[in-house]
Amino acid sequence: MFWEELLQTERPEGQNYWPVADGQGRYLGMASTSGAVIDQRACSNQQHAVEALELFAGLKLDAVAVVDSDGTLLGGLSAQRLTAWMGSQWCFQLQGSSLWLQGTQTLSGSWICALEEEGYRVVALATDFDRASALFGTWVRLDQPDPTAAVETLERMGATVLGSFPHGRRHNDAQENLDHLIHYLNL
């Protein structure tokens, strides 16, 4: 899978937690810089590397352990290394912009058609369902560098857009309007 290029066996400099194993190589837990070992669930090498994100979020640690099916420690994965790997993927390298949505439904075909009518093309899409909140989280990568019209279209259709990158014209307009208002109030 992807683990070969991501895993490290030595603790990187500045890493607060790092996995440790016993003499037979079986995973014991995560050792802090002080040497205290805490019991934390490891990621399996049968999982996709992106699934480690759930562990990072839940554990609030800066690294996770990766083990094989026998519980043998294969290495550690730092949050920094996973982030760098994700950022190097093809969909992030394409020219364009990204949107983050949340709602009771994911991006529907009619929404994608509406984006295409605005001149956008969806080049990547990922959706996850959060059982606790009963909401879908959706990430969309578009082929255009300014997401402003896409954000406005999706909001008009009832989507809750949490954010976009780069910010686009809409963000610049808001800052300009705020500056104008402050200037007017200072008169």
N, C-alpha and C. Protein backbone atom coordinates (compact mmCIF):
# COMPACT_ATOMS: atom_id res chain seq x y z
N MET A 1 0.86 -1.17 0.00
CA MET A 1 0.00 0.00 0.00
C MET A 1 0.90 1.23 0.00
N PHE A 2 0.60 2.22 0.80
CA PHE A 2 1.39 3.46 0.83
C PHE A 2 2.35 3.50 2.01
N TRP A 3 2.23 2.54 2.89
CA TRP A 3 2.97 2.60 4.15
C TRP A 3 4.48 2.64 3.97
N GLU A 4 4.98 1.97 2.95
CA GLU A 4 6.43 1.90 2.75
C GLU A 4 7.05 3.29 2.64
N GLU A 5 6.37 4.19 1.95
CA GLU A 5 6.93 5.53 1.76
C GLU A 5 6.63 6.47 2.91
N LEU A 6 5.74 6.08 3.82
CA LEU A 6 5.34 6.98 4.90
C LEU A 6 5.96 6.67 6.25
N LEU A 7 6.16 5.39 6.53
CA LEU A 7 6.59 5.00 7.87
C LEU A 7 8.03 5.37 8.17
N GLN A 8 8.24 5.67 9.44
CA GLN A 8 9.58 5.95 9.95
C GLN A 8 9.80 5.04 11.15
N THR A 9 11.02 4.57 11.31
CA THR A 9 11.31 3.72 12.46
C THR A 9 11.95 4.51 13.59
N GLU A 10 12.61 5.59 13.27
CA GLU A 10 13.25 6.43 14.29
C GLU A 10 12.37 7.64 14.60
N ARG A 11 12.36 8.05 15.87
CA ARG A 11 11.58 9.22 16.28
C ARG A 11 12.17 10.47 15.65
N PRO A 12 11.36 11.21 14.87
CA PRO A 12 11.86 12.47 14.30
C PRO A 12 12.10 13.50 15.40
N GLU A 13 13.00 14.41 15.14
CA GLU A 13 13.30 15.47 16.11
C GLU A 13 12.06 16.31 16.37
N GLY A 14 11.80 16.59 17.64
CA GLY A 14 10.65 17.41 18.02
C GLY A 14 9.35 16.66 18.16
N GLN A 15 9.35 15.36 17.93
CA GLN A 15 8.13 14.55 18.01
C GLN A 15 7.79 14.29 19.48
N ASN A 16 6.59 14.67 19.93
CA ASN A 16 6.19 14.51 21.33
C ASN A 16 5.93 13.05 21.69
N TYR A 17 5.30 12.31 20.80
CA TYR A 17 4.98 10.89 21.05
C TYR A 17 5.53 10.04 19.92
N TRP A 18 5.94 8.82 20.27
CA TRP A 18 6.43 7.90 19.26
C TRP A 18 6.18 6.48 19.73
N PRO A 19 5.79 5.57 18.81
CA PRO A 19 5.48 4.20 19.22
C PRO A 19 6.72 3.43 19.69
N VAL A 20 6.48 2.56 20.66
CA VAL A 20 7.56 1.70 21.18
C VAL A 20 7.09 0.25 21.15
N ALA A 21 8.07 -0.66 21.09
CA ALA A 21 7.78 -2.09 21.03
C ALA A 21 8.59 -2.82 22.10
N ASP A 22 8.16 -4.05 22.42
CA ASP A 22 8.93 -4.87 23.35
C ASP A 22 10.08 -5.54 22.61
N GLY A 23 10.81 -6.42 23.26
CA GLY A 23 11.96 -7.08 22.68
C GLY A 23 11.64 -7.93 21.46
N GLN A 24 10.40 -8.43 21.36
CA GLN A 24 9.99 -9.23 20.21
C GLN A 24 9.38 -8.39 19.09
N GLY A 25 9.34 -7.07 19.27
CA GLY A 25 8.82 -6.18 18.24
C GLY A 25 7.32 -5.93 18.32
N ARG A 26 6.65 -6.43 19.36
CA ARG A 26 5.21 -6.21 19.51
C ARG A 26 4.96 -4.80 20.06
N TYR A 27 3.98 -4.14 19.49
CA TYR A 27 3.63 -2.77 19.85
C TYR A 27 3.18 -2.70 21.32
N LEU A 28 3.76 -1.74 22.07
CA LEU A 28 3.41 -1.55 23.48
C LEU A 28 2.53 -0.33 23.72
N GLY A 29 2.81 0.75 23.02
CA GLY A 29 2.08 2.00 23.22
C GLY A 29 2.89 3.16 22.69
N MET A 30 2.44 4.36 23.04
CA MET A 30 3.09 5.58 22.58
C MET A 30 3.90 6.17 23.72
N ALA A 31 5.18 6.38 23.49
CA ALA A 31 6.07 6.94 24.51
C ALA A 31 6.18 8.44 24.32
N SER A 32 6.02 9.16 25.43
CA SER A 32 6.19 10.61 25.38
C SER A 32 7.68 10.92 25.42
N THR A 33 8.01 12.18 25.28
CA THR A 33 9.42 12.57 25.32
C THR A 33 10.04 12.30 26.69
N SER A 34 9.20 12.25 27.74
CA SER A 34 9.69 11.94 29.08
C SER A 34 9.90 10.44 29.29
N GLY A 35 9.41 9.62 28.35
CA GLY A 35 9.57 8.18 28.46
C GLY A 35 8.34 7.46 28.96
N ALA A 36 7.33 8.18 29.42
CA ALA A 36 6.09 7.55 29.89
C ALA A 36 5.34 6.96 28.70
N VAL A 37 4.90 5.70 28.84
CA VAL A 37 4.21 5.02 27.76
C VAL A 37 2.71 5.00 28.06
N ILE A 38 1.94 5.49 27.08
CA ILE A 38 0.48 5.45 27.21
C ILE A 38 -0.07 4.44 26.21
N ASP A 39 -1.14 3.79 26.60
CA ASP A 39 -1.76 2.77 25.76
C ASP A 39 -2.66 3.46 24.73
N GLN A 40 -2.34 3.31 23.46
CA GLN A 40 -3.13 3.91 22.38
C GLN A 40 -3.31 2.91 21.26
N ARG A 41 -4.47 2.94 20.65
CA ARG A 41 -4.77 2.07 19.52
C ARG A 41 -3.83 2.41 18.36
N ALA A 42 -3.41 1.38 17.66
CA ALA A 42 -2.52 1.57 16.50
C ALA A 42 -3.32 1.47 15.21
N CYS A 43 -2.74 1.93 14.15
CA CYS A 43 -3.31 1.82 12.81
C CYS A 43 -2.75 0.55 12.19
N SER A 44 -3.57 -0.18 11.47
CA SER A 44 -3.13 -1.41 10.82
C SER A 44 -2.58 -1.11 9.44
N ASN A 45 -1.60 -1.90 9.01
CA ASN A 45 -1.06 -1.70 7.67
C ASN A 45 -2.04 -2.16 6.60
N GLN A 46 -3.17 -2.74 7.01
CA GLN A 46 -4.22 -3.12 6.07
C GLN A 46 -5.16 -1.95 5.78
N GLN A 47 -5.07 -0.88 6.57
CA GLN A 47 -5.89 0.30 6.37
C GLN A 47 -5.19 1.26 5.41
N HIS A 48 -5.97 2.16 4.84
CA HIS A 48 -5.39 3.21 4.01
C HIS A 48 -4.77 4.25 4.93
N ALA A 49 -3.71 4.88 4.49
CA ALA A 49 -3.00 5.86 5.31
C ALA A 49 -3.90 7.02 5.73
N VAL A 50 -4.88 7.38 4.90
CA VAL A 50 -5.76 8.49 5.24
C VAL A 50 -6.60 8.16 6.47
N GLU A 51 -6.84 6.85 6.72
CA GLU A 51 -7.61 6.46 7.90
C GLU A 51 -6.89 6.81 9.19
N ALA A 52 -5.60 7.06 9.11
CA ALA A 52 -4.84 7.49 10.29
C ALA A 52 -5.32 8.86 10.77
N LEU A 53 -5.95 9.63 9.88
CA LEU A 53 -6.46 10.95 10.28
C LEU A 53 -7.45 10.83 11.42
N GLU A 54 -8.29 9.80 11.40
CA GLU A 54 -9.26 9.59 12.48
C GLU A 54 -8.54 9.37 13.81
N LEU A 55 -7.46 8.60 13.76
CA LEU A 55 -6.68 8.39 14.98
C LEU A 55 -6.05 9.69 15.47
N PHE A 56 -5.48 10.46 14.55
CA PHE A 56 -4.88 11.74 14.95
C PHE A 56 -5.92 12.63 15.62
N ALA A 57 -7.10 12.70 15.04
CA ALA A 57 -8.15 13.55 15.58
C ALA A 57 -8.63 13.06 16.94
N GLY A 58 -8.80 11.74 17.06
CA GLY A 58 -9.30 11.19 18.31
C GLY A 58 -8.28 11.17 19.43
N LEU A 59 -7.04 10.92 19.11
CA LEU A 59 -6.01 10.78 20.12
C LEU A 59 -5.38 12.10 20.53
N LYS A 60 -5.43 13.07 19.64
CA LYS A 60 -4.78 14.36 19.84
C LYS A 60 -3.28 14.18 20.11
N LEU A 61 -2.68 13.25 19.37
CA LEU A 61 -1.24 13.02 19.42
C LEU A 61 -0.64 13.47 18.11
N ASP A 62 0.67 13.62 18.08
CA ASP A 62 1.33 14.06 16.85
C ASP A 62 1.89 12.90 16.04
N ALA A 63 1.60 11.66 16.46
CA ALA A 63 2.04 10.48 15.72
C ALA A 63 1.13 9.31 16.06
N VAL A 64 1.09 8.33 15.18
CA VAL A 64 0.37 7.09 15.44
C VAL A 64 1.31 5.93 15.12
N ALA A 65 1.01 4.80 15.73
CA ALA A 65 1.76 3.58 15.46
C ALA A 65 1.08 2.82 14.34
N VAL A 66 1.87 2.12 13.53
CA VAL A 66 1.34 1.25 12.47
C VAL A 66 1.87 -0.15 12.73
N VAL A 67 0.93 -1.10 12.81
CA VAL A 67 1.28 -2.49 13.11
C VAL A 67 0.77 -3.40 12.01
N ASP A 68 1.34 -4.62 11.95
CA ASP A 68 0.83 -5.62 11.00
C ASP A 68 -0.28 -6.42 11.69
N SER A 69 -0.79 -7.47 11.04
CA SER A 69 -1.91 -8.23 11.57
C SER A 69 -1.56 -8.99 12.85
N ASP A 70 -0.27 -9.20 13.12
CA ASP A 70 0.16 -9.88 14.34
C ASP A 70 0.44 -8.92 15.49
N GLY A 71 0.29 -7.63 15.27
CA GLY A 71 0.57 -6.64 16.30
C GLY A 71 2.03 -6.23 16.38
N THR A 72 2.80 -6.61 15.36
CA THR A 72 4.21 -6.23 15.31
C THR A 72 4.31 -4.79 14.82
N LEU A 73 5.07 -4.00 15.55
CA LEU A 73 5.25 -2.60 15.19
C LEU A 73 6.07 -2.48 13.91
N LEU A 74 5.48 -1.81 12.92
CA LEU A 74 6.18 -1.58 11.65
C LEU A 74 6.87 -0.23 11.63
N GLY A 75 6.32 0.72 12.39
CA GLY A 75 6.90 2.05 12.44
C GLY A 75 5.89 3.06 12.92
N GLY A 76 6.29 4.32 12.88
CA GLY A 76 5.42 5.40 13.29
C GLY A 76 5.11 6.32 12.12
N LEU A 77 4.00 7.01 12.25
CA LEU A 77 3.59 7.97 11.23
C LEU A 77 3.30 9.29 11.92
N SER A 78 4.08 10.31 11.60
CA SER A 78 3.86 11.63 12.20
C SER A 78 2.78 12.37 11.42
N ALA A 79 2.09 13.24 12.12
CA ALA A 79 1.06 14.06 11.48
C ALA A 79 1.67 14.92 10.38
N GLN A 80 2.87 15.41 10.61
CA GLN A 80 3.55 16.25 9.62
C GLN A 80 3.83 15.47 8.35
N ARG A 81 4.29 14.24 8.50
CA ARG A 81 4.62 13.42 7.32
C ARG A 81 3.36 13.04 6.54
N LEU A 82 2.27 12.71 7.26
CA LEU A 82 1.01 12.38 6.59
C LEU A 82 0.47 13.59 5.84
N THR A 83 0.54 14.75 6.44
CA THR A 83 0.07 15.98 5.79
C THR A 83 0.86 16.27 4.53
N ALA A 84 2.17 16.10 4.59
CA ALA A 84 3.01 16.33 3.41
C ALA A 84 2.68 15.34 2.31
N TRP A 85 2.42 14.09 2.68
CA TRP A 85 2.07 13.07 1.70
C TRP A 85 0.74 13.39 1.03
N MET A 86 -0.26 13.76 1.84
CA MET A 86 -1.57 14.10 1.28
C MET A 86 -1.48 15.29 0.34
N GLY A 87 -0.69 16.28 0.73
CA GLY A 87 -0.54 17.48 -0.10
C GLY A 87 0.15 17.22 -1.43
N SER A 88 0.90 16.13 -1.50
CA SER A 88 1.61 15.82 -2.75
C SER A 88 0.76 15.02 -3.73
N GLN A 89 -0.44 14.63 -3.32
CA GLN A 89 -1.30 13.84 -4.20
C GLN A 89 -1.73 14.67 -5.40
N TRP A 90 -2.07 13.98 -6.49
CA TRP A 90 -2.34 14.64 -7.77
C TRP A 90 -3.44 15.68 -7.69
N CYS A 91 -4.50 15.43 -6.92
CA CYS A 91 -5.62 16.38 -6.92
C CYS A 91 -5.24 17.70 -6.27
N PHE A 92 -4.23 17.70 -5.39
CA PHE A 92 -3.77 18.95 -4.81
C PHE A 92 -2.80 19.67 -5.73
N GLN A 93 -2.20 18.93 -6.64
CA GLN A 93 -1.23 19.52 -7.56
C GLN A 93 -1.91 20.20 -8.74
N LEU A 94 -3.15 19.85 -9.01
CA LEU A 94 -3.88 20.45 -10.13
C LEU A 94 -4.18 21.91 -9.83
N GLN A 95 -4.19 22.72 -10.87
CA GLN A 95 -4.63 24.10 -10.72
C GLN A 95 -6.07 24.07 -10.28
N GLY A 96 -6.46 24.92 -9.38
CA GLY A 96 -7.86 24.96 -8.99
C GLY A 96 -8.06 25.45 -7.58
N SER A 97 -9.21 25.08 -7.02
CA SER A 97 -9.59 25.51 -5.68
C SER A 97 -10.32 24.36 -4.99
N SER A 98 -10.48 24.49 -3.70
CA SER A 98 -11.14 23.46 -2.91
C SER A 98 -12.26 24.08 -2.08
N LEU A 99 -13.31 23.29 -1.85
CA LEU A 99 -14.44 23.70 -1.02
C LEU A 99 -14.69 22.63 0.03
N TRP A 100 -15.16 23.05 1.21
CA TRP A 100 -15.56 22.13 2.26
C TRP A 100 -17.02 22.38 2.58
N LEU A 101 -17.83 21.35 2.50
CA LEU A 101 -19.26 21.45 2.74
C LEU A 101 -19.67 20.57 3.90
N GLN A 102 -20.79 20.90 4.53
CA GLN A 102 -21.36 20.05 5.55
C GLN A 102 -22.87 20.15 5.46
N GLY A 103 -23.55 19.02 5.61
CA GLY A 103 -25.00 19.04 5.56
C GLY A 103 -25.59 17.66 5.68
N THR A 104 -26.91 17.61 5.57
CA THR A 104 -27.63 16.35 5.69
C THR A 104 -27.53 15.51 4.43
N GLN A 105 -27.01 16.09 3.38
CA GLN A 105 -26.79 15.34 2.14
C GLN A 105 -25.42 15.69 1.58
N THR A 106 -24.93 14.81 0.74
CA THR A 106 -23.65 15.08 0.10
C THR A 106 -23.90 15.80 -1.22
N LEU A 107 -22.87 16.07 -1.96
CA LEU A 107 -23.00 16.78 -3.22
C LEU A 107 -23.83 15.95 -4.19
N SER A 108 -24.95 16.48 -4.62
CA SER A 108 -25.84 15.75 -5.51
C SER A 108 -25.51 16.03 -6.97
N GLY A 109 -26.05 15.21 -7.85
CA GLY A 109 -25.83 15.39 -9.29
C GLY A 109 -26.32 16.74 -9.79
N SER A 110 -27.44 17.22 -9.24
CA SER A 110 -27.95 18.53 -9.68
C SER A 110 -27.00 19.65 -9.26
N TRP A 111 -26.35 19.49 -8.12
CA TRP A 111 -25.40 20.49 -7.68
C TRP A 111 -24.18 20.49 -8.58
N ILE A 112 -23.72 19.30 -8.96
CA ILE A 112 -22.57 19.20 -9.86
C ILE A 112 -22.90 19.82 -11.21
N CYS A 113 -24.12 19.56 -11.71
CA CYS A 113 -24.56 20.17 -12.98
C CYS A 113 -24.58 21.69 -12.88
N ALA A 114 -25.05 22.20 -11.73
CA ALA A 114 -25.08 23.65 -11.54
C ALA A 114 -23.67 24.23 -11.54
N LEU A 115 -22.72 23.51 -10.94
CA LEU A 115 -21.34 23.97 -10.96
C LEU A 115 -20.79 23.97 -12.38
N GLU A 116 -21.14 22.95 -13.15
CA GLU A 116 -20.68 22.88 -14.55
C GLU A 116 -21.27 24.01 -15.38
N GLU A 117 -22.49 24.40 -15.08
CA GLU A 117 -23.10 25.53 -15.79
C GLU A 117 -22.37 26.84 -15.47
N GLU A 118 -21.75 26.91 -14.30
CA GLU A 118 -20.97 28.09 -13.91
C GLU A 118 -19.57 28.06 -14.52
N GLY A 119 -19.22 26.96 -15.21
CA GLY A 119 -17.91 26.84 -15.83
C GLY A 119 -16.89 26.07 -15.02
N TYR A 120 -17.33 25.43 -13.93
CA TYR A 120 -16.43 24.64 -13.10
C TYR A 120 -16.51 23.17 -13.49
N ARG A 121 -15.43 22.46 -13.21
CA ARG A 121 -15.42 21.01 -13.38
C ARG A 121 -14.93 20.43 -12.06
N VAL A 122 -15.67 19.45 -11.52
CA VAL A 122 -15.28 18.78 -10.29
C VAL A 122 -14.21 17.75 -10.66
N VAL A 123 -12.98 17.93 -10.13
CA VAL A 123 -11.89 17.02 -10.46
C VAL A 123 -11.64 15.99 -9.37
N ALA A 124 -12.12 16.24 -8.16
CA ALA A 124 -12.00 15.27 -7.07
C ALA A 124 -13.10 15.56 -6.05
N LEU A 125 -13.56 14.49 -5.42
CA LEU A 125 -14.66 14.62 -4.46
C LEU A 125 -14.49 13.55 -3.40
N ALA A 126 -14.64 13.93 -2.15
CA ALA A 126 -14.59 12.96 -1.05
C ALA A 126 -15.69 13.31 -0.06
N THR A 127 -16.37 12.28 0.43
CA THR A 127 -17.47 12.48 1.38
C THR A 127 -17.29 11.52 2.55
N ASP A 128 -17.62 12.01 3.73
CA ASP A 128 -17.57 11.19 4.93
C ASP A 128 -18.82 11.49 5.75
N PHE A 129 -19.37 10.45 6.40
CA PHE A 129 -20.56 10.62 7.21
C PHE A 129 -20.18 10.53 8.67
N ASP A 130 -20.58 11.52 9.46
CA ASP A 130 -20.34 11.53 10.89
C ASP A 130 -21.62 11.08 11.59
N ARG A 131 -21.57 9.88 12.17
CA ARG A 131 -22.76 9.32 12.82
C ARG A 131 -23.21 10.16 14.00
N ALA A 132 -22.29 10.71 14.75
CA ALA A 132 -22.64 11.48 15.95
C ALA A 132 -23.50 12.70 15.60
N SER A 133 -23.12 13.42 14.55
CA SER A 133 -23.87 14.62 14.18
C SER A 133 -24.90 14.34 13.09
N ALA A 134 -24.85 13.15 12.48
CA ALA A 134 -25.73 12.77 11.37
C ALA A 134 -25.59 13.73 10.19
N LEU A 135 -24.36 14.17 9.94
CA LEU A 135 -24.09 15.09 8.83
C LEU A 135 -23.00 14.51 7.93
N PHE A 136 -23.08 14.86 6.66
CA PHE A 136 -22.05 14.51 5.70
C PHE A 136 -21.03 15.64 5.65
N GLY A 137 -19.78 15.29 5.59
CA GLY A 137 -18.73 16.25 5.33
C GLY A 137 -18.21 15.97 3.93
N THR A 138 -18.17 16.96 3.08
CA THR A 138 -17.77 16.76 1.69
C THR A 138 -16.67 17.74 1.32
N TRP A 139 -15.65 17.22 0.65
CA TRP A 139 -14.54 18.03 0.15
C TRP A 139 -14.60 17.95 -1.38
N VAL A 140 -14.54 19.09 -2.03
CA VAL A 140 -14.64 19.16 -3.49
C VAL A 140 -13.43 19.92 -4.03
N ARG A 141 -12.80 19.36 -5.04
CA ARG A 141 -11.70 20.05 -5.74
C ARG A 141 -12.23 20.47 -7.10
N LEU A 142 -12.12 21.76 -7.41
CA LEU A 142 -12.60 22.33 -8.67
C LEU A 142 -11.42 22.72 -9.55
N ASP A 143 -11.65 22.81 -10.84
CA ASP A 143 -10.57 23.12 -11.78
C ASP A 143 -10.29 24.62 -11.93
N GLN A 144 -11.08 25.48 -11.34
CA GLN A 144 -10.90 26.92 -11.46
C GLN A 144 -10.26 27.49 -10.19
N PRO A 145 -9.34 28.46 -10.32
CA PRO A 145 -8.65 28.98 -9.14
C PRO A 145 -9.50 29.87 -8.24
N ASP A 146 -10.58 30.45 -8.74
CA ASP A 146 -11.44 31.31 -7.92
C ASP A 146 -12.76 30.58 -7.65
N PRO A 147 -13.00 30.16 -6.40
CA PRO A 147 -14.21 29.39 -6.09
C PRO A 147 -15.44 30.24 -5.80
N THR A 148 -15.37 31.54 -5.95
CA THR A 148 -16.44 32.44 -5.53
C THR A 148 -17.80 32.06 -6.13
N ALA A 149 -17.88 31.92 -7.43
CA ALA A 149 -19.17 31.60 -8.08
C ALA A 149 -19.66 30.22 -7.65
N ALA A 150 -18.75 29.28 -7.44
CA ALA A 150 -19.14 27.94 -7.00
C ALA A 150 -19.73 27.99 -5.60
N VAL A 151 -19.11 28.75 -4.71
CA VAL A 151 -19.62 28.90 -3.34
C VAL A 151 -21.01 29.51 -3.37
N GLU A 152 -21.16 30.58 -4.14
CA GLU A 152 -22.46 31.25 -4.22
C GLU A 152 -23.54 30.33 -4.80
N THR A 153 -23.18 29.55 -5.81
CA THR A 153 -24.13 28.62 -6.43
C THR A 153 -24.56 27.54 -5.43
N LEU A 154 -23.60 26.95 -4.75
CA LEU A 154 -23.92 25.89 -3.78
C LEU A 154 -24.74 26.43 -2.62
N GLU A 155 -24.42 27.62 -2.14
CA GLU A 155 -25.22 28.22 -1.05
C GLU A 155 -26.64 28.52 -1.52
N ARG A 156 -26.78 28.98 -2.74
CA ARG A 156 -28.10 29.25 -3.30
C ARG A 156 -28.94 27.97 -3.37
N MET A 157 -28.27 26.83 -3.56
CA MET A 157 -28.97 25.55 -3.67
C MET A 157 -29.17 24.88 -2.31
N GLY A 158 -28.74 25.55 -1.23
CA GLY A 158 -28.99 25.04 0.11
C GLY A 158 -27.82 24.37 0.79
N ALA A 159 -26.65 24.40 0.19
CA ALA A 159 -25.47 23.78 0.81
C ALA A 159 -24.88 24.70 1.86
N THR A 160 -24.30 24.12 2.89
CA THR A 160 -23.56 24.88 3.89
C THR A 160 -22.08 24.76 3.56
N VAL A 161 -21.51 25.82 3.01
CA VAL A 161 -20.10 25.83 2.64
C VAL A 161 -19.31 26.31 3.86
N LEU A 162 -18.47 25.43 4.40
CA LEU A 162 -17.68 25.76 5.58
C LEU A 162 -16.46 26.60 5.24
N GLY A 163 -15.92 26.42 4.04
CA GLY A 163 -14.74 27.19 3.67
C GLY A 163 -14.28 26.87 2.28
N SER A 164 -13.32 27.63 1.81
CA SER A 164 -12.76 27.41 0.48
C SER A 164 -11.31 27.87 0.50
N PHE A 165 -10.56 27.32 -0.44
CA PHE A 165 -9.17 27.75 -0.61
C PHE A 165 -8.81 27.67 -2.08
N PRO A 166 -8.20 28.68 -2.64
CA PRO A 166 -7.97 29.99 -2.05
C PRO A 166 -9.29 30.71 -1.83
N HIS A 167 -9.25 31.79 -1.07
CA HIS A 167 -10.48 32.47 -0.67
C HIS A 167 -11.26 33.04 -1.84
N GLY A 168 -10.61 33.52 -2.85
CA GLY A 168 -11.31 34.03 -4.03
C GLY A 168 -11.78 35.46 -3.89
N ARG A 169 -12.49 35.88 -4.91
CA ARG A 169 -12.97 37.26 -5.02
C ARG A 169 -13.90 37.65 -3.87
N ARG A 170 -14.74 36.73 -3.43
CA ARG A 170 -15.72 37.02 -2.38
C ARG A 170 -15.02 37.48 -1.09
N HIS A 171 -13.94 36.79 -0.72
CA HIS A 171 -13.19 37.15 0.48
C HIS A 171 -12.57 38.54 0.33
N ASN A 172 -12.02 38.81 -0.85
CA ASN A 172 -11.41 40.12 -1.10
C ASN A 172 -12.46 41.23 -1.06
N ASP A 173 -13.66 40.95 -1.61
CA ASP A 173 -14.75 41.93 -1.57
C ASP A 173 -15.16 42.23 -0.14
N ALA A 174 -15.22 41.20 0.69
CA ALA A 174 -15.63 41.40 2.09
C ALA A 174 -14.61 42.29 2.81
N GLN A 175 -13.34 42.06 2.58
CA GLN A 175 -12.31 42.89 3.22
C GLN A 175 -12.38 44.32 2.72
N GLU A 176 -12.61 44.49 1.42
CA GLU A 176 -12.74 45.82 0.85
C GLU A 176 -13.94 46.56 1.43
N ASN A 177 -15.07 45.85 1.55
CA ASN A 177 -16.29 46.44 2.11
C ASN A 177 -16.08 46.83 3.57
N LEU A 178 -15.38 45.99 4.34
CA LEU A 178 -15.10 46.29 5.73
C LEU A 178 -14.21 47.53 5.84
N ASP A 179 -13.18 47.60 5.01
CA ASP A 179 -12.29 48.77 5.01
C ASP A 179 -13.07 50.05 4.67
N HIS A 180 -13.98 49.95 3.71
CA HIS A 180 -14.79 51.10 3.30
C HIS A 180 -15.70 51.53 4.46
N LEU A 181 -16.31 50.56 5.14
CA LEU A 181 -17.19 50.87 6.27
C LEU A 181 -16.42 51.54 7.40
N ILE A 182 -15.26 51.02 7.71
CA ILE A 182 -14.43 51.61 8.79
C ILE A 182 -14.04 53.02 8.43
N HIS A 183 -13.65 53.24 7.18
CA HIS A 183 -13.31 54.60 6.72
C HIS A 183 -14.51 55.53 6.87
N TYR A 184 -15.70 55.06 6.49
CA TYR A 184 -16.90 55.87 6.58
C TYR A 184 -17.22 56.19 8.04
N LEU A 185 -17.07 55.22 8.93
CA LEU A 185 -17.38 55.44 10.34
C LEU A 185 -16.38 56.41 10.98
N ASN A 186 -15.17 56.45 10.47
CA ASN A 186 -14.15 57.34 11.01
C ASN A 186 -14.34 58.80 10.57
N LEU A 187 -15.16 59.01 9.55
CA LEU A 187 -15.39 60.40 9.09
C LEU A 187 -16.15 61.15 10.09
